[in-house]
Structure formats: C-alpha cells, structure tokens
Amino acid sequence: YDDVFKIGSLVEPTSVAYNAVIERGGGIRPGENVIILGAGPIGLVSTKILKTAGAGLCIVSEPEEHRALLAKKMGADYVINPLKEDFVEKVKEYTDNEGAALYLEATGLPQVVTDDIQNAIWECKAVNSTVVIVARAEQRMPVYGEYFQVKRARIIGAQGHSGHGTFFNVISSMAAGMDITPMITKEISLEEVPENIKLLQTDRKNCKISAIIN
C-alpha cells in the first residue's frame, strides 16, 4: 500500500468487524455461507473478512443502491434489496435452500430484520447457525425461541474490538493483502470535517469519509 496512514485509519472499524464475526461469532469453516444484514462500515468490512476467510457464498441485505454496489466491491456474491425482494426466498434461491452458518445483524433495526433472520434459519436446511448482533439498538428482538431450539442456532452479542490480539491480526491481514480501502467513499480536508459529520447523519451514499491532513 502506498498510503499507510489511510490504511491505518481503517484498522479500528475493521477490528470491530473482526471481533464480531471471528472472535465472538467463532468464524466459519471455508466453504460455509454467510449472510450480512446492513452494508454500513461494519457490514462491509465483515463481508471482506469473511470472504477472505473462505466463505462459500456471502449474501448482503441492503436497500440503498450505493451501499449495495460497495458490498459487491467488498466481495459480496449477492445483494438482496429487502424493500423490493423477499429476503427468505432469495436466501433459499441463492443457497439452494442451505441457508447460512453465520448471520450478522449490522442494521440496528432488530424489530425489522429479526423475523427475516429467524425465518431463514427455520426454513433452510442448515443447523447450528450463529447470529451475531453487532449493531446497537434500544429495541427488543422479537425472537421465536423454538426456531433456535429446533435448528440448534444461537444468538451472540458483539461489542468493541479489544482483546485476543485483534488489532495485530487485522493489521497482519491487511499486510497480507486484505484490501479494505473500497469503503473509503470520500476524502476531505480537515476544515470540511464539521459539515461532513452532519452529512453522514442523513446521507447514506457515503460509507467512510477520510480526512486528509497535508
């Protein structure tokens, strides 16, 4: 990489994703399928991490067009628009009814997406699936316990990025060629930071805005 500092700015969010899908979620066996709900920074980086780890299929659910395109750049095999498509039917179609070993909830909308996740678990063939909750939300999850009991699935919470050498492993992965830079969608000067912080609150076209200090 030519710009070490730009890459370095991505270590922290990448470590949050690494902690979620590898440390807390337990990772995957190469060839297993993964499904990521939400193509924000953590969802996008998780896509790259899991494809690098050997995911057979990586399916991302994201309604915003620009972020859906970013998901493809980060390695997603398929992107579902949950506002226009039936999430469960698409999962069954893309995976030949197998489903996924790991589901990542990265939307922060548990009351919206939990049914999609647990219905996919219930209707697909895979057992022992792991659902990792990484997005913060002050909402209750409407969980059907029987779905998780019968399909032997589990729900895991993930927060932060510290412990178990996470930063070191992320930096080593980047040095070995794991490219996270496509998630940088805009570069600005230090003077432009305040206006762009406000922009990020409403504009979902951008993902990671980097401030460049000359």
Protein backbone atom coordinates (compact mmCIF):
# COMPACT_ATOMS: atom_id res chain seq x y z
CA TYR A 1 0.00 0.00 0.00
CA ASP A 2 1.24 3.48 -0.84
CA ASP A 3 -0.77 5.33 1.80
CA VAL A 4 -0.08 3.71 5.16
CA PHE A 5 -1.94 6.36 7.13
CA LYS A 6 -5.12 5.93 5.08
CA ILE A 7 -4.98 2.18 5.64
CA GLY A 8 -4.26 2.75 9.32
CA SER A 9 -7.47 4.75 9.69
CA LEU A 10 -9.40 1.60 8.79
CA VAL A 11 -7.85 -0.65 11.43
CA GLU A 12 -10.32 0.33 14.17
CA PRO A 13 -13.59 -0.32 12.28
CA THR A 14 -12.09 -3.45 10.76
CA SER A 15 -11.27 -4.67 14.27
CA VAL A 16 -14.88 -4.15 15.36
CA ALA A 17 -16.00 -6.38 12.49
CA TYR A 18 -13.23 -8.91 13.17
CA ASN A 19 -14.28 -9.12 16.82
CA ALA A 20 -17.89 -9.69 15.78
CA VAL A 21 -17.53 -12.37 13.11
CA ILE A 22 -14.29 -14.08 14.19
CA GLU A 23 -13.83 -13.67 17.94
CA ARG A 24 -17.45 -13.55 19.11
CA GLY A 25 -19.12 -15.32 16.22
CA GLY A 26 -16.48 -18.03 16.02
CA GLY A 27 -15.71 -17.53 12.35
CA ILE A 28 -16.62 -20.04 9.67
CA ARG A 29 -15.25 -23.13 8.03
CA PRO A 30 -14.10 -22.44 4.46
CA GLY A 31 -16.99 -23.08 2.10
CA GLU A 32 -19.76 -22.17 4.54
CA ASN A 33 -22.26 -19.45 3.66
CA VAL A 34 -22.67 -16.14 5.48
CA ILE A 35 -25.41 -13.53 5.41
CA ILE A 36 -24.84 -9.92 6.42
CA LEU A 37 -27.74 -7.59 7.08
CA GLY A 38 -26.70 -3.97 6.58
CA ALA A 39 -23.94 -2.61 4.34
CA GLY A 40 -22.67 0.12 6.62
CA PRO A 41 -18.96 0.22 7.55
CA ILE A 42 -19.10 -2.84 9.83
CA GLY A 43 -21.22 -4.89 7.46
CA LEU A 44 -18.95 -4.07 4.53
CA VAL A 45 -15.75 -4.90 6.38
CA SER A 46 -17.30 -8.12 7.67
CA THR A 47 -18.03 -9.05 4.06
CA LYS A 48 -14.36 -8.68 3.18
CA ILE A 49 -13.17 -10.55 6.29
CA LEU A 50 -15.49 -13.50 5.73
CA LYS A 51 -14.73 -13.79 2.03
CA THR A 52 -11.04 -13.68 2.88
CA ALA A 53 -11.70 -16.45 5.43
CA GLY A 54 -13.14 -18.63 2.67
CA ALA A 55 -16.90 -18.08 2.78
CA GLY A 56 -18.62 -20.09 0.06
CA LEU A 57 -21.33 -17.51 -0.52
CA CYS A 58 -21.55 -14.08 1.08
CA ILE A 59 -25.02 -12.56 0.79
CA VAL A 60 -25.62 -8.96 1.87
CA SER A 61 -29.04 -7.43 2.53
CA GLU A 62 -29.03 -3.69 1.80
CA PRO A 63 -31.73 -1.43 0.26
CA GLU A 64 -29.53 1.59 -0.52
CA GLU A 65 -28.14 1.33 -4.06
CA HIS A 66 -24.74 2.94 -3.47
CA ARG A 67 -24.01 0.74 -0.47
CA ALA A 68 -25.22 -2.33 -2.33
CA LEU A 69 -22.61 -1.59 -5.01
CA LEU A 70 -19.98 -1.19 -2.29
CA ALA A 71 -20.94 -4.59 -0.91
CA LYS A 72 -20.21 -6.13 -4.30
CA LYS A 73 -16.83 -4.37 -4.38
CA MET A 74 -16.04 -5.81 -0.94
CA GLY A 75 -16.75 -9.34 -2.13
CA ALA A 76 -20.48 -9.99 -1.76
CA ASP A 77 -21.69 -12.67 -4.15
CA TYR A 78 -25.30 -11.50 -3.98
CA VAL A 79 -27.07 -8.42 -2.64
CA ILE A 80 -30.73 -8.54 -1.61
CA ASN A 81 -32.89 -5.42 -1.55
CA PRO A 82 -35.24 -6.28 1.34
CA LEU A 83 -37.64 -3.48 0.37
CA LYS A 84 -38.21 -4.94 -3.09
CA GLU A 85 -37.42 -8.63 -2.69
CA ASP A 86 -38.48 -11.42 -0.34
CA PHE A 87 -35.42 -11.91 1.86
CA VAL A 88 -36.09 -15.52 2.85
CA GLU A 89 -36.99 -16.64 -0.67
CA LYS A 90 -33.83 -15.05 -2.06
CA VAL A 91 -31.69 -16.73 0.59
CA LYS A 92 -33.25 -20.08 -0.30
CA GLU A 93 -32.73 -19.43 -4.00
CA TYR A 94 -29.09 -18.33 -3.73
CA THR A 95 -28.05 -21.08 -1.30
CA ASP A 96 -30.13 -23.92 -2.76
CA ASN A 97 -32.14 -23.99 0.49
CA GLU A 98 -28.99 -24.48 2.58
CA GLY A 99 -29.06 -21.13 4.40
CA ALA A 100 -26.00 -19.87 6.25
CA ALA A 101 -23.63 -20.78 9.05
CA LEU A 102 -23.38 -17.18 10.22
CA TYR A 103 -25.79 -14.25 10.15
CA LEU A 104 -24.57 -10.76 11.09
CA GLU A 105 -27.12 -8.19 12.25
CA ALA A 106 -25.47 -4.87 11.37
CA THR A 107 -28.55 -2.73 10.72
CA GLY A 108 -29.52 -1.60 14.22
CA LEU A 109 -33.13 -2.43 13.31
CA PRO A 110 -33.83 -5.67 15.20
CA GLN A 111 -37.61 -5.26 15.06
CA VAL A 112 -37.35 -5.09 11.27
CA VAL A 113 -34.77 -7.76 10.44
CA THR A 114 -35.07 -10.38 13.21
CA ASP A 115 -38.02 -12.08 11.52
CA ASP A 116 -36.05 -12.32 8.28
CA ILE A 117 -33.11 -13.93 10.06
CA GLN A 118 -35.05 -16.45 12.11
CA ASN A 119 -37.39 -17.35 9.25
CA ALA A 120 -34.37 -18.05 7.05
CA ILE A 121 -32.92 -20.25 9.80
CA TRP A 122 -36.24 -22.06 10.20
CA GLU A 123 -36.92 -22.64 6.50
CA CYS A 124 -33.39 -23.51 5.36
CA LYS A 125 -31.53 -26.78 5.92
CA ALA A 126 -28.52 -25.52 7.90
CA VAL A 127 -28.34 -26.25 11.63
CA ASN A 128 -26.07 -24.80 14.30
CA SER A 129 -26.20 -21.32 12.73
CA THR A 130 -24.82 -18.37 14.68
CA VAL A 131 -26.50 -14.96 14.70
CA VAL A 132 -24.14 -12.16 15.74
CA ILE A 133 -25.64 -8.87 16.92
CA VAL A 134 -23.13 -6.07 16.34
CA ALA A 135 -25.36 -3.02 15.76
CA ARG A 136 -26.55 -1.13 18.83
CA ALA A 137 -30.31 -0.61 19.20
CA GLU A 138 -32.61 0.20 22.11
CA GLN A 139 -35.23 -2.22 20.84
CA ARG A 140 -36.36 -5.68 21.84
CA MET A 141 -35.65 -8.56 19.49
CA PRO A 142 -38.87 -10.46 18.66
CA VAL A 143 -37.30 -13.92 18.90
CA TYR A 144 -39.11 -17.24 18.48
CA GLY A 145 -37.25 -19.49 20.86
CA GLU A 146 -38.48 -22.69 19.21
CA TYR A 147 -36.82 -21.75 15.91
CA PHE A 148 -33.46 -21.54 17.63
CA GLN A 149 -34.09 -24.61 19.77
CA VAL A 150 -35.11 -26.93 16.93
CA LYS A 151 -32.45 -25.68 14.50
CA ARG A 152 -29.82 -25.57 17.29
CA ALA A 153 -29.00 -21.96 16.44
CA ARG A 154 -27.62 -19.35 18.82
CA ILE A 155 -27.50 -15.58 19.26
CA ILE A 156 -24.24 -13.89 20.22
CA GLY A 157 -23.63 -10.25 21.13
CA ALA A 158 -20.52 -8.39 19.97
CA GLN A 159 -19.24 -5.04 21.21
CA GLY A 160 -15.99 -3.20 20.53
CA HIS A 161 -12.73 -4.63 19.32
CA SER A 162 -10.29 -5.24 22.16
CA GLY A 163 -8.65 -8.47 23.30
CA HIS A 164 -7.12 -11.57 21.75
CA GLY A 165 -4.72 -9.61 19.55
CA THR A 166 -7.50 -8.29 17.33
CA PHE A 167 -5.61 -5.20 16.14
CA PHE A 168 -2.49 -7.25 15.43
CA ASN A 169 -4.45 -9.83 13.44
CA VAL A 170 -6.26 -7.16 11.44
CA ILE A 171 -3.00 -5.36 10.59
CA SER A 172 -1.42 -8.68 9.60
CA SER A 173 -4.40 -9.46 7.37
CA MET A 174 -4.13 -6.07 5.69
CA ALA A 175 -0.40 -6.54 5.18
CA ALA A 176 -1.14 -9.90 3.57
CA GLY A 177 -3.43 -8.24 1.03
CA MET A 178 -6.89 -7.84 2.57
CA ASP A 179 -7.94 -4.56 0.94
CA ILE A 180 -10.49 -2.54 2.91
CA THR A 181 -9.95 0.74 1.02
CA PRO A 182 -13.01 0.48 -1.28
CA MET A 183 -15.14 1.51 1.70
CA ILE A 184 -13.49 4.96 1.64
CA THR A 185 -16.01 6.81 -0.50
CA LYS A 186 -14.84 10.38 0.06
CA GLU A 187 -11.70 12.27 1.08
CA ILE A 188 -11.93 15.72 2.64
CA SER A 189 -9.75 18.36 4.24
CA LEU A 190 -9.68 18.95 8.00
CA GLU A 191 -11.71 22.13 7.50
CA GLU A 192 -14.52 20.16 5.87
CA VAL A 193 -14.97 17.76 8.79
CA PRO A 194 -17.85 19.55 10.63
CA GLU A 195 -20.11 19.76 7.58
CA ASN A 196 -19.42 16.17 6.62
CA ILE A 197 -20.19 14.88 10.11
CA LYS A 198 -23.65 16.41 9.66
CA LEU A 199 -23.86 14.95 6.16
CA LEU A 200 -23.21 11.40 7.38
CA GLN A 201 -26.27 11.59 9.64
CA THR A 202 -28.60 11.75 6.64
CA ASP A 203 -26.61 10.76 3.55
CA ARG A 204 -26.29 7.00 3.11
CA LYS A 205 -24.44 7.28 -0.20
CA ASN A 206 -21.12 7.64 1.60
CA CYS A 207 -19.67 4.99 3.87
CA LYS A 208 -16.26 6.02 5.19
CA ILE A 209 -15.14 9.63 4.84
CA SER A 210 -11.42 10.16 5.44
CA ALA A 211 -9.94 13.49 6.48
CA ILE A 212 -6.59 14.12 4.80
CA ILE A 213 -4.15 16.35 6.68
CA ASN A 214 -1.42 17.74 4.43
